[in-house]
Protein backbone atom coordinates (compact mmCIF):
# COMPACT_ATOMS: atom_id res chain seq x y z
CA MET A 1 -0.18 0.11 -0.05
CA GLY A 2 1.16 3.52 -0.45
CA TYR A 3 0.09 4.90 2.64
CA GLN A 4 1.14 4.44 6.42
CA ASN A 5 -1.02 4.85 9.45
CA ILE A 6 0.39 7.46 11.89
CA ASP A 7 -1.63 7.69 15.02
CA GLY A 8 -4.77 6.64 13.38
CA VAL A 9 -4.29 9.09 10.33
CA TRP A 10 -3.67 7.48 6.98
CA VAL A 11 -0.83 9.49 5.38
CA TRP A 12 0.07 9.25 1.60
CA GLY A 13 3.55 10.65 0.93
CA LYS A 14 6.08 12.42 3.04
CA PRO A 15 4.24 13.17 6.54
CA ASP A 16 4.19 16.94 7.22
CA GLU A 17 4.29 16.88 11.00
CA SER A 18 2.20 20.06 11.34
CA ALA A 19 -0.37 18.73 8.89
CA VAL A 20 -0.67 15.32 10.89
CA ALA A 21 -1.03 17.13 14.04
CA GLN A 22 -3.96 18.87 12.65
CA ALA A 23 -5.23 15.69 11.05
CA ARG A 24 -5.06 14.06 14.56
CA ARG A 25 -7.13 16.84 16.19
CA CYS A 26 -9.62 16.44 13.43
CA ALA A 27 -9.82 12.71 14.06
CA GLU A 28 -10.38 13.27 18.06
CA THR A 29 -13.09 15.64 17.24
CA GLY A 30 -16.77 14.55 16.44
CA ASN A 31 -18.15 11.29 14.97
CA VAL A 32 -15.14 10.58 12.72
CA ILE A 33 -15.03 7.29 10.54
CA ARG A 34 -11.60 8.16 9.16
CA THR A 35 -9.14 10.56 8.54
CA LEU A 36 -6.68 10.86 5.73
CA LEU A 37 -3.91 12.93 4.28
CA MET A 38 -3.21 13.10 0.68
CA ALA A 39 0.36 13.35 -0.83
CA ASP A 40 0.14 17.07 -1.31
CA HIS A 41 -0.81 17.79 2.36
CA HIS A 42 0.14 20.72 3.99
CA LYS A 43 -1.03 23.01 7.06
CA GLY A 44 -4.40 24.59 6.49
CA TYR A 45 -7.24 26.23 8.63
CA SER A 46 -8.77 23.72 11.36
CA GLN A 47 -8.49 20.80 8.49
CA PRO A 48 -5.11 20.39 6.72
CA ILE A 49 -5.20 21.06 2.75
CA GLY A 50 -5.08 17.73 1.19
CA GLY A 51 -6.94 16.52 4.20
CA VAL A 52 -10.17 14.13 4.14
CA VAL A 53 -12.26 13.71 7.00
CA VAL A 54 -15.15 11.35 6.91
CA TYR A 55 -17.86 11.65 9.33
CA ASP A 56 -21.05 9.89 10.73
CA GLY A 57 -23.96 12.32 10.02
CA GLN A 58 -22.04 15.52 10.45
CA ILE A 59 -20.57 18.30 8.18
CA SER A 60 -17.53 20.75 8.98
CA PRO A 61 -17.92 24.05 7.53
CA SER A 62 -14.28 24.99 8.77
CA GLY A 63 -13.37 21.55 7.03
CA VAL A 64 -14.72 22.69 3.65
CA GLY A 65 -13.09 26.07 4.16
CA TYR A 66 -13.84 29.45 2.97
CA ASP A 67 -13.38 28.88 -0.76
CA ILE A 68 -16.57 26.70 -0.90
CA ALA A 69 -16.51 24.34 -4.10
CA CYS A 70 -12.85 25.37 -5.10
CA GLY A 71 -12.08 23.14 -8.06
CA ASN A 72 -10.87 22.88 -11.78
CA LYS A 73 -12.43 22.60 -15.16
CA ALA A 74 -10.45 21.31 -17.92
CA VAL A 75 -11.22 21.06 -21.69
CA ARG A 76 -9.61 19.48 -24.76
CA THR A 77 -9.97 21.61 -27.85
CA ASN A 78 -10.41 20.79 -31.46
CA LEU A 79 -6.99 22.74 -31.84
CA HIS A 80 -3.51 22.11 -31.92
CA ALA A 81 -1.19 23.89 -29.49
CA LYS A 82 0.85 24.47 -32.51
CA ASP A 83 -2.08 26.37 -34.46
CA ILE A 84 -1.80 28.83 -31.75
CA LYS A 85 1.74 29.41 -30.56
CA PRO A 86 2.58 32.07 -33.27
CA VAL A 87 -0.16 34.24 -31.90
CA LEU A 88 0.08 32.88 -27.97
CA GLY A 89 1.28 36.25 -26.73
CA ARG A 90 -1.69 37.89 -28.27
CA ILE A 91 -4.17 35.49 -27.16
CA MET A 92 -2.78 35.41 -23.19
CA ASP A 93 -3.19 39.34 -23.59
CA ASP A 94 -6.65 38.96 -24.60
CA ILE A 95 -7.41 36.45 -21.75
CA ALA A 96 -6.02 38.64 -19.38
CA ARG A 97 -7.87 41.62 -20.56
CA SER A 98 -11.17 39.86 -20.85
CA ILE A 99 -11.46 37.78 -17.64
CA SER A 100 -11.60 39.47 -14.49
CA PHE A 101 -8.62 38.40 -12.15
CA GLY A 102 -8.35 39.48 -8.43
CA ILE A 103 -9.91 39.85 -5.00
CA GLY A 104 -13.21 41.86 -5.14
CA ARG A 105 -13.56 42.13 -8.52
CA VAL A 106 -16.91 42.24 -10.32
CA ASN A 107 -17.52 41.11 -13.77
CA ASN A 108 -17.91 43.79 -16.40
CA THR A 109 -20.46 41.65 -18.24
CA ARG A 110 -23.53 41.18 -16.37
CA VAL A 111 -23.99 37.13 -16.46
CA ASP A 112 -27.52 35.77 -15.78
CA HIS A 113 -27.99 32.36 -14.82
CA GLU A 114 -30.80 29.94 -13.58
CA LEU A 115 -29.06 29.39 -10.40
CA PHE A 116 -30.29 32.85 -9.21
CA ASP A 117 -33.56 31.45 -9.03
CA ASP A 118 -32.73 28.42 -7.38
CA PRO A 119 -35.08 27.53 -4.15
CA ASP A 120 -31.99 27.04 -2.12
CA TRP A 121 -31.56 30.82 -1.76
CA ASP A 122 -34.45 30.72 0.61
CA VAL A 123 -31.65 29.46 3.35
CA TYR A 124 -30.49 33.05 3.41
CA ARG A 125 -34.02 34.52 3.30
CA SER A 126 -34.59 32.55 6.48
CA ILE A 127 -31.18 33.89 8.07
CA GLY A 128 -32.65 37.65 7.06
CA LYS A 129 -33.55 39.99 4.09
CA LYS A 130 -30.42 41.98 4.46
CA GLU A 131 -27.98 38.86 4.19
CA HIS A 132 -30.32 37.23 1.49
CA ASP A 133 -30.08 40.27 -0.56
CA LYS A 134 -26.45 41.13 -0.06
CA LEU A 135 -25.20 37.74 -0.99
CA LEU A 136 -27.28 37.61 -3.66
CA ALA A 137 -26.14 40.62 -5.09
CA LEU A 138 -22.73 39.85 -4.42
CA ALA A 139 -22.89 36.35 -6.35
CA ARG A 140 -24.57 38.18 -9.33
CA SER A 141 -22.05 40.70 -9.58
CA GLN A 142 -18.98 38.15 -9.33
CA LEU A 143 -20.35 35.13 -11.49
CA GLY A 144 -17.31 34.69 -13.95
CA THR A 145 -14.51 36.25 -12.21
CA VAL A 146 -11.67 34.20 -11.28
CA GLY A 147 -10.08 35.76 -7.88
CA SER A 148 -6.57 35.72 -6.76
CA GLY A 149 -4.30 33.36 -4.99
CA ASN A 150 -3.49 30.52 -6.75
CA HIS A 151 -6.62 30.67 -8.98
CA PHE A 152 -5.62 30.41 -12.75
CA VAL A 153 -6.71 30.31 -16.23
CA ASP A 154 -4.10 28.26 -18.28
CA LEU A 155 -3.55 26.77 -21.96
CA PHE A 156 -1.91 23.39 -22.01
CA GLU A 157 -0.27 21.20 -24.68
CA GLU A 158 -1.04 17.68 -24.20
CA GLN A 159 2.48 15.98 -24.38
CA GLU A 160 1.50 12.81 -26.54
CA THR A 161 -0.90 14.54 -29.17
CA GLY A 162 -0.20 17.99 -29.33
CA ARG A 163 -3.32 18.99 -28.36
CA LEU A 164 -4.56 22.32 -27.02
CA TRP A 165 -6.44 22.03 -23.75
CA VAL A 166 -8.00 24.81 -21.46
CA ALA A 167 -7.98 24.90 -17.65
CA ASN A 168 -9.04 27.02 -14.87
CA HIS A 169 -9.04 26.77 -10.92
CA PHE A 170 -11.17 28.83 -8.82
CA GLY A 171 -14.42 28.51 -6.60
CA SER A 172 -17.50 30.43 -5.31
CA ARG A 173 -15.69 33.47 -4.90
CA GLY A 174 -17.00 36.22 -2.39
CA PHE A 175 -20.10 34.53 -2.05
CA GLY A 176 -19.00 31.62 -0.79
CA HIS A 177 -16.34 33.13 1.49
CA LYS A 178 -19.50 35.32 3.22
CA THR A 179 -21.51 31.86 3.30
CA ALA A 180 -18.47 29.97 5.13
CA SER A 181 -17.94 32.93 7.22
CA GLY A 182 -21.47 33.44 8.21
CA PHE A 183 -21.93 30.02 9.28
CA LEU A 184 -18.91 30.06 11.28
CA ASN A 185 -20.39 33.08 12.88
CA LEU A 186 -23.80 31.63 13.77
CA SER A 187 -22.10 28.50 15.09
CA ALA A 188 -20.39 31.15 17.77
CA GLY A 189 -23.51 32.68 18.32
CA ARG A 190 -22.68 35.93 16.41
CA ASP A 191 -24.76 37.42 13.65
CA PHE A 192 -24.26 36.02 10.20
CA LEU A 193 -22.60 39.22 8.65
CA ALA A 194 -20.74 39.99 12.04
CA ASN A 195 -16.86 40.58 11.68
CA ALA A 196 -15.52 37.36 12.87
CA PRO A 197 -12.80 37.63 15.41
CA GLY A 198 -10.32 35.54 13.60
CA GLU A 199 -9.28 31.89 13.99
CA SER A 200 -6.33 29.78 14.86
CA MET A 201 -4.93 27.48 12.41
CA ASP A 202 -5.06 24.85 15.31
CA GLN A 203 -8.63 25.18 16.54
CA PRO A 204 -10.72 21.86 16.00
CA PRO A 205 -13.22 21.79 13.41
CA VAL A 206 -16.61 23.12 13.57
CA LEU A 207 -19.31 20.43 13.17
CA PHE A 208 -22.94 20.53 12.39
CA ASP A 209 -25.14 17.46 12.72
CA LEU A 210 -26.37 17.03 9.55
CA ASP A 211 -30.11 16.74 10.50
CA SER A 212 -29.90 19.62 12.82
CA GLU A 213 -31.37 23.22 11.55
CA LEU A 214 -27.91 24.57 10.91
CA GLY A 215 -26.47 21.68 9.48
CA ASP A 216 -29.04 21.21 6.83
CA MET A 217 -28.84 25.06 6.13
CA TYR A 218 -25.44 24.93 5.56
CA TYR A 219 -25.64 21.80 3.59
CA ARG A 220 -28.02 23.43 1.23
CA ALA A 221 -26.06 26.50 1.08
CA MET A 222 -22.93 24.68 0.32
CA LYS A 223 -24.38 22.87 -2.56
CA LEU A 224 -25.76 26.09 -3.94
CA ALA A 225 -22.11 27.29 -3.85
CA GLY A 226 -21.15 24.40 -5.74
CA ARG A 227 -23.54 24.84 -8.46
CA TYR A 228 -22.29 28.82 -8.22
CA ALA A 229 -18.59 27.64 -8.84
CA TYR A 230 -19.62 25.20 -11.76
CA ALA A 231 -21.34 28.13 -13.43
CA GLY A 232 -18.47 30.54 -12.89
CA ARG A 233 -16.05 28.04 -14.28
CA ASP A 234 -18.35 27.14 -17.28
CA TYR A 235 -18.35 30.98 -18.27
CA VAL A 236 -14.93 31.28 -18.26
CA ILE A 237 -14.02 28.21 -20.13
CA GLY A 238 -16.53 29.35 -22.66
CA GLN A 239 -15.05 32.90 -22.89
CA VAL A 240 -11.46 31.34 -23.45
CA LEU A 241 -12.97 28.90 -26.04
CA SER A 242 -14.38 31.93 -27.68
CA ILE A 243 -11.03 33.92 -27.82
CA LEU A 244 -9.46 30.95 -29.25
CA GLY A 245 -12.21 30.34 -31.50
CA ALA A 246 -12.15 26.93 -30.72
CA GLU A 247 -14.83 24.15 -29.58
CA ALA A 248 -14.41 21.41 -26.65
CA ASP A 249 -14.77 17.79 -27.30
CA PHE A 250 -13.98 16.39 -23.92
CA GLU A 251 -14.02 17.97 -20.45
CA VAL A 252 -13.32 17.21 -16.74
CA HIS A 253 -14.76 19.20 -13.93
CA ASN A 254 -14.60 18.51 -10.31
CA HIS A 255 -14.58 20.51 -7.05
CA HIS A 256 -11.76 19.62 -4.36
CA ASN A 257 -13.13 22.06 -1.38
CA TYR A 258 -16.59 20.27 -0.60
CA ALA A 259 -18.40 17.86 1.39
CA TRP A 260 -20.00 14.85 -0.29
CA ARG A 261 -22.72 12.13 0.90
CA GLU A 262 -21.19 9.11 0.03
CA THR A 263 -21.27 5.39 0.86
CA HIS A 264 -18.14 3.41 2.27
CA ASP A 265 -17.77 0.11 3.77
CA GLY A 266 -21.58 -0.25 3.48
CA ARG A 267 -22.54 2.99 5.32
CA GLU A 268 -23.51 6.28 4.10
CA ALA A 269 -20.98 8.79 5.36
CA VAL A 270 -20.11 12.68 4.90
CA VAL A 271 -16.89 12.94 3.37
CA VAL A 272 -15.26 16.22 3.54
CA ARG A 273 -12.31 17.08 1.27
CA LYS A 274 -10.31 20.14 1.67
CA GLY A 275 -7.62 20.35 -1.07
CA ALA A 276 -8.54 16.76 -2.22
CA THR A 277 -10.10 15.55 -5.41
CA PRO A 278 -12.55 12.76 -5.50
CA SER A 279 -11.55 9.71 -7.27
CA ALA A 280 -14.25 7.08 -7.41
CA PRO A 281 -13.54 4.12 -9.73
CA GLY A 282 -13.72 5.51 -13.59
CA GLN A 283 -14.11 9.20 -12.39
CA THR A 284 -12.21 11.61 -14.26
CA GLY A 285 -10.34 14.49 -12.56
CA PHE A 286 -7.88 17.20 -13.30
CA ILE A 287 -4.62 17.85 -10.83
CA GLY A 288 -2.62 20.87 -11.59
CA GLY A 289 1.22 21.28 -11.22
CA SER A 290 2.92 24.64 -10.71
CA MET A 291 3.28 27.16 -13.68
CA GLY A 292 6.51 25.38 -14.27
CA ASP A 293 5.50 21.52 -14.23
CA ILE A 294 3.04 19.26 -15.89
CA SER A 295 -0.70 18.85 -15.09
CA VAL A 296 -2.60 15.78 -15.58
CA ILE A 297 -5.93 14.43 -16.17
CA VAL A 298 -6.34 11.26 -14.04
CA ARG A 299 -8.92 8.61 -13.46
CA GLY A 300 -9.87 6.50 -10.19
CA LYS A 301 -8.77 2.81 -10.15
CA ASP A 302 -10.91 0.17 -8.77
CA SER A 303 -8.47 -1.02 -6.01
CA GLU A 304 -8.38 -1.74 -2.31
CA GLU A 305 -6.05 1.32 -1.85
CA ASN A 306 -8.53 3.74 -3.56
CA ARG A 307 -11.16 2.08 -1.52
CA ASP A 308 -8.94 2.65 1.73
CA ALA A 309 -8.52 6.32 0.35
CA CYS A 310 -12.46 6.88 0.38
CA TYR A 311 -11.96 7.42 -3.28
CA SER A 312 -9.68 10.56 -2.75
CA THR A 313 -6.83 11.94 -4.20
CA VAL A 314 -4.44 14.94 -4.45
CA HIS A 315 -5.62 18.02 -5.86
CA GLY A 316 -2.29 19.69 -6.76
CA ALA A 317 1.55 19.26 -6.16
CA GLY A 318 1.25 21.01 -2.43
CA ARG A 319 2.84 23.95 -1.10
CA ILE A 320 6.49 23.58 0.22
CA MET A 321 6.86 27.25 1.17
CA SER A 322 4.41 29.75 2.39
CA ARG A 323 3.47 32.94 0.73
CA THR A 324 5.24 35.06 2.91
CA GLN A 325 8.39 32.96 2.70
CA ALA A 326 8.37 33.36 -0.98
CA ALA A 327 7.11 36.78 -1.74
CA GLY A 328 8.36 38.57 1.65
CA ARG A 329 6.18 40.24 4.24
CA MET A 330 3.48 42.90 2.47
CA ASN A 331 3.93 46.59 3.74
CA TRP A 332 0.14 47.65 2.76
CA LYS A 333 0.48 51.19 3.23
CA THR A 334 3.60 51.50 1.00
CA ARG A 335 2.80 48.45 -1.02
CA THR A 336 6.19 46.96 -0.98
CA ARG A 337 7.51 43.53 0.19
CA SER A 338 10.46 42.75 2.04
CA GLY A 339 12.41 39.47 3.20
CA GLY A 340 11.15 36.92 0.12
CA GLN A 341 13.34 33.96 -0.90
CA ILE A 342 12.10 33.99 -4.29
CA SER A 343 12.44 37.10 -6.75
CA THR A 344 10.47 38.16 -9.67
CA ALA A 345 13.75 37.95 -11.75
CA GLN A 346 14.14 34.01 -10.72
CA MET A 347 10.41 33.25 -11.21
CA LEU A 348 10.30 34.80 -14.63
CA SER A 349 13.63 32.93 -15.66
CA ALA A 350 12.22 29.80 -14.61
CA VAL A 351 8.91 30.03 -16.66
CA LYS A 352 10.39 31.34 -19.78
CA GLU A 353 12.87 28.24 -19.57
CA PHE A 354 9.69 26.13 -19.19
CA GLY A 355 8.30 27.56 -22.39
CA VAL A 356 5.24 29.50 -20.70
CA GLU A 357 3.83 32.74 -21.44
CA LEU A 358 3.05 34.31 -18.34
CA ARG A 359 0.27 37.02 -17.40
CA GLY A 360 0.08 38.16 -13.67
CA ALA A 361 1.51 36.06 -10.59
CA GLY A 362 3.55 36.71 -7.91
CA THR A 363 6.71 35.03 -6.57
CA ASP A 364 4.25 33.20 -4.02
CA GLU A 365 3.04 31.33 -7.03
CA SER A 366 6.13 30.67 -8.61
CA PRO A 367 7.33 27.20 -9.36
CA PHE A 368 9.77 27.16 -6.45
CA VAL A 369 6.87 27.15 -3.61
CA TYR A 370 5.45 24.02 -4.84
CA ARG A 371 6.72 19.93 -4.78
CA LYS A 372 7.15 18.31 -8.29
CA LEU A 373 3.69 17.13 -9.06
CA GLN A 374 5.14 13.54 -10.35
CA ASP A 375 6.38 13.08 -6.72
CA VAL A 376 2.66 13.18 -5.23
CA LEU A 377 1.17 11.19 -8.35
CA ASP A 378 3.82 8.46 -7.52
CA ALA A 379 2.44 8.49 -4.09
CA HIS A 380 -0.89 7.53 -5.08
CA ALA A 381 -0.15 5.06 -7.85
CA GLY A 382 -2.41 2.48 -6.35
CA THR A 383 -5.58 4.74 -6.52
CA ILE A 384 -5.33 6.59 -9.81
CA GLU A 385 -4.09 6.28 -13.58
CA VAL A 386 -2.78 9.22 -15.35
CA LEU A 387 -4.60 9.48 -19.04
CA HIS A 388 -3.37 12.72 -20.35
CA VAL A 389 -0.17 14.73 -19.39
CA LEU A 390 -0.67 18.54 -20.02
CA LYS A 391 2.44 21.07 -20.09
CA PRO A 392 1.35 24.52 -19.65
CA ILE A 393 2.08 27.07 -22.30
CA GLY A 394 0.01 30.14 -21.21
CA VAL A 395 -0.69 30.92 -17.37
CA CYS A 396 -2.84 33.84 -16.40
CA MET A 397 -3.38 34.87 -12.93
CA ALA A 398 -3.98 37.71 -10.87
CA GLY A 399 -1.08 40.38 -10.56
CA ALA A 400 1.22 40.30 -7.76
CA ASP A 401 0.34 41.96 -4.57
CA GLU A 402 -3.31 40.73 -4.34
CA PHE A 403 -4.41 40.11 -0.90
CA ASP A 404 -6.08 36.70 -0.69
CA PRO A 405 -8.74 36.20 1.99
CA TYR A 406 -9.71 32.85 0.85
CA LYS A 407 -7.01 30.68 2.82
CA ASP A 408 -6.52 27.97 0.17
């Protein structure tokens, strides 16, 4: 087997002590069936990134996290990468100009969608008219925007065939963030829209019984945020296909910050995956590397090890350096950074050498801050098979020095 059992936590890859300690705390809190760490794990808020906690009848809003339904969509186009490489710079300029990146940004194009008439908006109406109206207005204004942090829109060349792929990575934006913080506020007896006092990374997970009023409300709100994230990723992929003048003939789409009701070992359970990709037998997923590394399309195996993993796998390469370590500490008054280990020149040299046309991004997202993706894939060889290997040729992200509150 590709994992080890450390104090009751099933760990793939090289154990990170701080993440293992967090996972143990999760395992000791609530009605826990199993706790796992994928090979890209690292310390997060309350539940580790790359952490999976399986509950009996409970759901954790702190486990799902602030960026509810963060995930990826990837499509294979009817073009080959060689068709667009002569004009790749112009295409990346068009993507950066046409799609809104950054925290708090709104879409210049109003996007209407049937989910704004979804009956689950009644969850917010039951909390209060002000809460409902504020979150609905925010969701409407931000649908189709990408955000900041490690969120991206990329173009890839499939190594084996030369086909051109498009992929993106983001979640439910400010709507999901306010939903998460709102339910955490309610759990602590505060108003939904109150300013939370902040949280410790080492606090135990917040739990709701799924059959309680708050549990049912959160579950419905989380699913609505999931549909919202899907709609946003669909819209952005459509924009890029329009810029390319291309069509898609294959797609992969999944969340990796979410809670699912699933059956494992013959019993219904709630599987909270934070930075972990579902990998049921035959299920496809996108796993992204850094801007200087491969990304892959994978498929879950029907294996004993995959069953042991509760059909879960990595969501990326996993950070080995914090944002502050990489880019330095930010002085928000002067908008300057100091003390970073990675320079802009180092980052630009690395991505140029790898053949990537880059728009935006700070050194906290440079290739140096992530593991090599192949290493974490090797650790999960018993659970997933790689179907397509993709090399980035164009990467577009929010600009450097964007504040990222989403804690991903």
